[in-house]
């Protein structure tokens, strides 16, 4: 989440915390976890994650605004 520039407070408060719990469970059971890890090590571009990540929308909604 840090590499994706997700605001942890926004993520934790979304839908009373259930959105964060759902996102965590989705990540834990994701069949693309190796690809995700590899991409995160190289960059943090959300556009690439939208192709395969079911949590990409959640991360986009919770990004830090700089």
PDB file of N, CA and C in Angstrom:
ATOM      1  N   UNK A   1       0.817  -1.184   0.000  1.00  0.00           N
ATOM      2  CA  UNK A   1       0.000   0.000   0.000  1.00  0.00           C
ATOM      3  C   UNK A   1       0.865   1.254   0.000  1.00  0.00           C
ATOM      4  N   UNK A   2       1.982   1.195   0.675  1.00  0.00           N
ATOM      5  CA  UNK A   2       2.876   2.355   0.708  1.00  0.00           C
ATOM      6  C   UNK A   2       3.401   2.681  -0.681  1.00  0.00           C
ATOM      7  N   UNK A   3       3.821   1.661  -1.402  1.00  0.00           N
ATOM      8  CA  UNK A   3       4.335   1.894  -2.756  1.00  0.00           C
ATOM      9  C   UNK A   3       3.253   2.375  -3.706  1.00  0.00           C
ATOM     10  N   UNK A   4       2.025   2.047  -3.420  1.00  0.00           N
ATOM     11  CA  UNK A   4       0.901   2.493  -4.241  1.00  0.00           C
ATOM     12  C   UNK A   4       0.415   3.872  -3.796  1.00  0.00           C
ATOM     13  N   UNK A   5       1.082   4.440  -2.791  1.00  0.00           N
ATOM     14  CA  UNK A   5       0.750   5.756  -2.214  1.00  0.00           C
ATOM     15  C   UNK A   5      -0.680   5.798  -1.686  1.00  0.00           C
ATOM     16  N   UNK A   6      -1.086   4.717  -1.041  1.00  0.00           N
ATOM     17  CA  UNK A   6      -2.409   4.644  -0.428  1.00  0.00           C
ATOM     18  C   UNK A   6      -2.343   5.338   0.927  1.00  0.00           C
ATOM     19  N   UNK A   7      -3.325   6.173   1.207  1.00  0.00           N
ATOM     20  CA  UNK A   7      -3.434   6.820   2.504  1.00  0.00           C
ATOM     21  C   UNK A   7      -4.029   5.790   3.466  1.00  0.00           C
ATOM     22  N   UNK A   8      -3.260   5.317   4.439  1.00  0.00           N
ATOM     23  CA  UNK A   8      -3.755   4.253   5.314  1.00  0.00           C
ATOM     24  C   UNK A   8      -4.983   4.650   6.130  1.00  0.00           C
ATOM     25  N   UNK A   9      -5.099   5.925   6.496  1.00  0.00           N
ATOM     26  CA  UNK A   9      -6.271   6.361   7.252  1.00  0.00           C
ATOM     27  C   UNK A   9      -7.537   6.337   6.404  1.00  0.00           C
ATOM     28  N   UNK A  10      -7.415   6.782   5.169  1.00  0.00           N
ATOM     29  CA  UNK A  10      -8.559   6.737   4.261  1.00  0.00           C
ATOM     30  C   UNK A  10      -8.970   5.289   4.025  1.00  0.00           C
ATOM     31  N   UNK A  11      -7.990   4.433   3.781  1.00  0.00           N
ATOM     32  CA  UNK A  11      -8.274   3.025   3.531  1.00  0.00           C
ATOM     33  C   UNK A  11      -8.933   2.368   4.732  1.00  0.00           C
ATOM     34  N   UNK A  12      -8.426   2.653   5.927  1.00  0.00           N
ATOM     35  CA  UNK A  12      -8.960   2.033   7.143  1.00  0.00           C
ATOM     36  C   UNK A  12     -10.365   2.517   7.475  1.00  0.00           C
ATOM     37  N   UNK A  13     -10.699   3.744   7.095  1.00  0.00           N
ATOM     38  CA  UNK A  13     -12.009   4.308   7.429  1.00  0.00           C
ATOM     39  C   UNK A  13     -13.085   4.035   6.374  1.00  0.00           C
ATOM     40  N   UNK A  14     -12.660   3.612   5.204  1.00  0.00           N
ATOM     41  CA  UNK A  14     -13.612   3.392   4.109  1.00  0.00           C
ATOM     42  C   UNK A  14     -14.597   2.280   4.495  1.00  0.00           C
ATOM     43  N   UNK A  15     -15.869   2.600   4.419  1.00  0.00           N
ATOM     44  CA  UNK A  15     -16.945   1.646   4.750  1.00  0.00           C
ATOM     45  C   UNK A  15     -16.782   1.077   6.162  1.00  0.00           C
ATOM     46  N   UNK A  16     -16.316   1.908   7.083  1.00  0.00           N
ATOM     47  CA  UNK A  16     -16.174   1.469   8.461  1.00  0.00           C
ATOM     48  C   UNK A  16     -15.125   0.386   8.654  1.00  0.00           C
ATOM     49  N   UNK A  17     -14.165   0.305   7.752  1.00  0.00           N
ATOM     50  CA  UNK A  17     -13.092  -0.671   7.863  1.00  0.00           C
ATOM     51  C   UNK A  17     -13.322  -1.942   7.068  1.00  0.00           C
ATOM     52  N   UNK A  18     -14.553  -2.146   6.610  1.00  0.00           N
ATOM     53  CA  UNK A  18     -14.826  -3.394   5.888  1.00  0.00           C
ATOM     54  C   UNK A  18     -14.168  -3.422   4.506  1.00  0.00           C
ATOM     55  N   UNK A  19     -14.021  -2.270   3.873  1.00  0.00           N
ATOM     56  CA  UNK A  19     -13.374  -2.230   2.555  1.00  0.00           C
ATOM     57  C   UNK A  19     -11.912  -2.650   2.669  1.00  0.00           C
ATOM     58  N   UNK A  20     -11.247  -2.197   3.722  1.00  0.00           N
ATOM     59  CA  UNK A  20      -9.847  -2.575   3.939  1.00  0.00           C
ATOM     60  C   UNK A  20      -9.743  -4.073   4.240  1.00  0.00           C
ATOM     61  N   UNK A  21     -10.625  -4.583   5.056  1.00  0.00           N
ATOM     62  CA  UNK A  21     -10.618  -6.010   5.376  1.00  0.00           C
ATOM     63  C   UNK A  21     -10.871  -6.848   4.120  1.00  0.00           C
ATOM     64  N   UNK A  22     -11.801  -6.405   3.297  1.00  0.00           N
ATOM     65  CA  UNK A  22     -12.085  -7.113   2.043  1.00  0.00           C
ATOM     66  C   UNK A  22     -10.868  -7.081   1.112  1.00  0.00           C
ATOM     67  N   UNK A  23     -10.225  -5.916   1.023  1.00  0.00           N
ATOM     68  CA  UNK A  23      -9.037  -5.787   0.168  1.00  0.00           C
ATOM     69  C   UNK A  23      -7.921  -6.701   0.667  1.00  0.00           C
ATOM     70  N   UNK A  24      -7.727  -6.755   1.967  1.00  0.00           N
ATOM     71  CA  UNK A  24      -6.705  -7.628   2.540  1.00  0.00           C
ATOM     72  C   UNK A  24      -6.987  -9.082   2.218  1.00  0.00           C
ATOM     73  N   UNK A  25      -8.229  -9.492   2.387  1.00  0.00           N
ATOM     74  CA  UNK A  25      -8.595 -10.877   2.094  1.00  0.00           C
ATOM     75  C   UNK A  25      -8.423 -11.198   0.611  1.00  0.00           C
ATOM     76  N   UNK A  26      -8.746 -10.234  -0.231  1.00  0.00           N
ATOM     77  CA  UNK A  26      -8.567 -10.423  -1.669  1.00  0.00           C
ATOM     78  C   UNK A  26      -7.092 -10.600  -1.997  1.00  0.00           C
ATOM     79  N   UNK A  27      -6.233  -9.775  -1.417  1.00  0.00           N
ATOM     80  CA  UNK A  27      -4.789  -9.898  -1.658  1.00  0.00           C
ATOM     81  C   UNK A  27      -4.268 -11.249  -1.165  1.00  0.00           C
ATOM     82  N   UNK A  28      -4.703 -11.662  -0.004  1.00  0.00           N
ATOM     83  CA  UNK A  28      -4.209 -12.924   0.563  1.00  0.00           C
ATOM     84  C   UNK A  28      -4.572 -14.125  -0.302  1.00  0.00           C
ATOM     85  N   UNK A  29      -5.721 -14.070  -0.961  1.00  0.00           N
ATOM     86  CA  UNK A  29      -6.150 -15.191  -1.785  1.00  0.00           C
ATOM     87  C   UNK A  29      -5.884 -15.034  -3.268  1.00  0.00           C
ATOM     88  N   UNK A  30      -5.172 -13.982  -3.643  1.00  0.00           N
ATOM     89  CA  UNK A  30      -4.979 -13.671  -5.055  1.00  0.00           C
ATOM     90  C   UNK A  30      -3.979 -14.618  -5.722  1.00  0.00           C
ATOM     91  N   UNK A  31      -4.336 -15.074  -6.897  1.00  0.00           N
ATOM     92  CA  UNK A  31      -3.439 -15.956  -7.646  1.00  0.00           C
ATOM     93  C   UNK A  31      -2.335 -15.187  -8.372  1.00  0.00           C
ATOM     94  N   UNK A  32      -2.407 -13.865  -8.359  1.00  0.00           N
ATOM     95  CA  UNK A  32      -1.400 -13.031  -9.016  1.00  0.00           C
ATOM     96  C   UNK A  32      -0.406 -12.427  -8.024  1.00  0.00           C
ATOM     97  N   UNK A  33      -0.303 -12.985  -6.816  1.00  0.00           N
ATOM     98  CA  UNK A  33       0.528 -12.356  -5.789  1.00  0.00           C
ATOM     99  C   UNK A  33       1.998 -12.234  -6.192  1.00  0.00           C
ATOM    100  N   UNK A  34       2.512 -13.188  -6.940  1.00  0.00           N
ATOM    101  CA  UNK A  34       3.918 -13.094  -7.368  1.00  0.00           C
ATOM    102  C   UNK A  34       4.103 -11.983  -8.399  1.00  0.00           C
ATOM    103  N   UNK A  35       3.194 -11.908  -9.349  1.00  0.00           N
ATOM    104  CA  UNK A  35       3.272 -10.841 -10.355  1.00  0.00           C
ATOM    105  C   UNK A  35       3.132  -9.478  -9.684  1.00  0.00           C
ATOM    106  N   UNK A  36       2.231  -9.377  -8.741  1.00  0.00           N
ATOM    107  CA  UNK A  36       2.015  -8.127  -8.013  1.00  0.00           C
ATOM    108  C   UNK A  36       3.297  -7.714  -7.284  1.00  0.00           C
ATOM    109  N   UNK A  37       3.885  -8.637  -6.556  1.00  0.00           N
ATOM    110  CA  UNK A  37       5.120  -8.347  -5.824  1.00  0.00           C
ATOM    111  C   UNK A  37       6.212  -7.876  -6.775  1.00  0.00           C
ATOM    112  N   UNK A  38       6.361  -8.580  -7.895  1.00  0.00           N
ATOM    113  CA  UNK A  38       7.389  -8.209  -8.864  1.00  0.00           C
ATOM    114  C   UNK A  38       7.152  -6.816  -9.433  1.00  0.00           C
ATOM    115  N   UNK A  39       5.920  -6.509  -9.755  1.00  0.00           N
ATOM    116  CA  UNK A  39       5.608  -5.173 -10.299  1.00  0.00           C
ATOM    117  C   UNK A  39       5.830  -4.091  -9.260  1.00  0.00           C
ATOM    118  N   UNK A  40       5.457  -4.371  -8.009  1.00  0.00           N
ATOM    119  CA  UNK A  40       5.647  -3.376  -6.958  1.00  0.00           C
ATOM    120  C   UNK A  40       7.125  -3.116  -6.694  1.00  0.00           C
ATOM    121  N   UNK A  41       7.945  -4.124  -6.867  1.00  0.00           N
ATOM    122  CA  UNK A  41       9.381  -3.920  -6.695  1.00  0.00           C
ATOM    123  C   UNK A  41       9.951  -3.033  -7.796  1.00  0.00           C
ATOM    124  N   UNK A  42       9.347  -3.085  -8.984  1.00  0.00           N
ATOM    125  CA  UNK A  42       9.837  -2.295 -10.121  1.00  0.00           C
ATOM    126  C   UNK A  42       9.247  -0.892 -10.156  1.00  0.00           C
ATOM    127  N   UNK A  43       7.953  -0.750  -9.865  1.00  0.00           N
ATOM    128  CA  UNK A  43       7.295   0.553  -9.945  1.00  0.00           C
ATOM    129  C   UNK A  43       5.996   0.532  -9.146  1.00  0.00           C
ATOM    130  N   UNK A  44       5.313   1.669  -9.119  1.00  0.00           N
ATOM    131  CA  UNK A  44       4.050   1.738  -8.390  1.00  0.00           C
ATOM    132  C   UNK A  44       2.951   2.344  -9.273  1.00  0.00           C
ATOM    133  N   UNK A  45       2.978   2.042 -10.545  1.00  0.00           N
ATOM    134  CA  UNK A  45       2.021   2.584 -11.495  1.00  0.00           C
ATOM    135  C   UNK A  45       0.704   1.822 -11.409  1.00  0.00           C
ATOM    136  N   UNK A  46      -0.352   2.519 -11.017  1.00  0.00           N
ATOM    137  CA  UNK A  46      -1.661   1.880 -10.898  1.00  0.00           C
ATOM    138  C   UNK A  46      -2.212   1.403 -12.223  1.00  0.00           C
ATOM    139  N   UNK A  47      -1.841   2.050 -13.303  1.00  0.00           N
ATOM    140  CA  UNK A  47      -2.381   1.675 -14.609  1.00  0.00           C
ATOM    141  C   UNK A  47      -2.078   0.218 -14.925  1.00  0.00           C
ATOM    142  N   UNK A  48      -0.889  -0.231 -14.630  1.00  0.00           N
ATOM    143  CA  UNK A  48      -0.519  -1.612 -14.884  1.00  0.00           C
ATOM    144  C   UNK A  48      -1.268  -2.595 -14.001  1.00  0.00           C
ATOM    145  N   UNK A  49      -1.593  -2.192 -12.794  1.00  0.00           N
ATOM    146  CA  UNK A  49      -2.295  -3.073 -11.880  1.00  0.00           C
ATOM    147  C   UNK A  49      -3.755  -3.250 -12.254  1.00  0.00           C
ATOM    148  N   UNK A  50      -4.321  -2.272 -12.906  1.00  0.00           N
ATOM    149  CA  UNK A  50      -5.735  -2.361 -13.296  1.00  0.00           C
ATOM    150  C   UNK A  50      -5.991  -3.550 -14.212  1.00  0.00           C
ATOM    151  N   UNK A  51      -4.951  -4.026 -14.892  1.00  0.00           N
ATOM    152  CA  UNK A  51      -5.087  -5.164 -15.797  1.00  0.00           C
ATOM    153  C   UNK A  51      -5.424  -6.455 -15.068  1.00  0.00           C
ATOM    154  N   UNK A  52      -4.921  -6.617 -13.837  1.00  0.00           N
ATOM    155  CA  UNK A  52      -5.095  -7.893 -13.156  1.00  0.00           C
ATOM    156  C   UNK A  52      -5.509  -7.790 -11.693  1.00  0.00           C
ATOM    157  N   UNK A  53      -5.368  -6.640 -11.073  1.00  0.00           N
ATOM    158  CA  UNK A  53      -5.597  -6.512  -9.632  1.00  0.00           C
ATOM    159  C   UNK A  53      -7.055  -6.182  -9.304  1.00  0.00           C
ATOM    160  N   UNK A  54      -7.720  -7.060  -8.559  1.00  0.00           N
ATOM    161  CA  UNK A  54      -9.101  -6.767  -8.180  1.00  0.00           C
ATOM    162  C   UNK A  54      -9.211  -5.626  -7.165  1.00  0.00           C
ATOM    163  N   UNK A  55      -8.099  -5.233  -6.546  1.00  0.00           N
ATOM    164  CA  UNK A  55      -8.107  -4.138  -5.580  1.00  0.00           C
ATOM    165  C   UNK A  55      -7.641  -2.809  -6.170  1.00  0.00           C
ATOM    166  N   UNK A  56      -7.359  -2.763  -7.447  1.00  0.00           N
ATOM    167  CA  UNK A  56      -6.834  -1.540  -8.064  1.00  0.00           C
ATOM    168  C   UNK A  56      -7.767  -0.349  -7.840  1.00  0.00           C
ATOM    169  N   UNK A  57      -9.053  -0.553  -7.961  1.00  0.00           N
ATOM    170  CA  UNK A  57     -10.009   0.532  -7.736  1.00  0.00           C
ATOM    171  C   UNK A  57      -9.982   1.034  -6.304  1.00  0.00           C
ATOM    172  N   UNK A  58      -9.908   0.125  -5.360  1.00  0.00           N
ATOM    173  CA  UNK A  58      -9.816   0.493  -3.944  1.00  0.00           C
ATOM    174  C   UNK A  58      -8.558   1.318  -3.685  1.00  0.00           C
ATOM    175  N   UNK A  59      -7.428   0.850  -4.214  1.00  0.00           N
ATOM    176  CA  UNK A  59      -6.186   1.591  -4.032  1.00  0.00           C
ATOM    177  C   UNK A  59      -6.273   2.977  -4.659  1.00  0.00           C
ATOM    178  N   UNK A  60      -6.865   3.078  -5.818  1.00  0.00           N
ATOM    179  CA  UNK A  60      -6.997   4.365  -6.505  1.00  0.00           C
ATOM    180  C   UNK A  60      -7.841   5.320  -5.669  1.00  0.00           C
ATOM    181  N   UNK A  61      -8.916   4.823  -5.082  1.00  0.00           N
ATOM    182  CA  UNK A  61      -9.800   5.665  -4.276  1.00  0.00           C
ATOM    183  C   UNK A  61      -9.137   6.155  -2.992  1.00  0.00           C
ATOM    184  N   UNK A  62      -8.126   5.452  -2.543  1.00  0.00           N
ATOM    185  CA  UNK A  62      -7.485   5.765  -1.260  1.00  0.00           C
ATOM    186  C   UNK A  62      -6.102   6.395  -1.406  1.00  0.00           C
ATOM    187  N   UNK A  63      -5.755   6.816  -2.599  1.00  0.00           N
ATOM    188  CA  UNK A  63      -4.418   7.395  -2.808  1.00  0.00           C
ATOM    189  C   UNK A  63      -4.261   8.726  -2.070  1.00  0.00           C
ATOM    190  N   UNK A  64      -3.012   8.961  -1.662  1.00  0.00           N
ATOM    191  CA  UNK A  64      -2.648  10.238  -1.057  1.00  0.00           C
ATOM    192  C   UNK A  64      -2.720  11.318  -2.131  1.00  0.00           C
ATOM    193  N   UNK A  65      -3.184  12.476  -1.768  1.00  0.00           N
ATOM    194  CA  UNK A  65      -3.256  13.595  -2.705  1.00  0.00           C
ATOM    195  C   UNK A  65      -2.101  14.536  -2.433  1.00  0.00           C
ATOM    196  N   UNK A  66      -1.144  14.543  -3.331  1.00  0.00           N
ATOM    197  CA  UNK A  66       0.008  15.459  -3.192  1.00  0.00           C
ATOM    198  C   UNK A  66      -0.145  16.601  -4.142  1.00  0.00           C
TER     199      UNK A  66
END
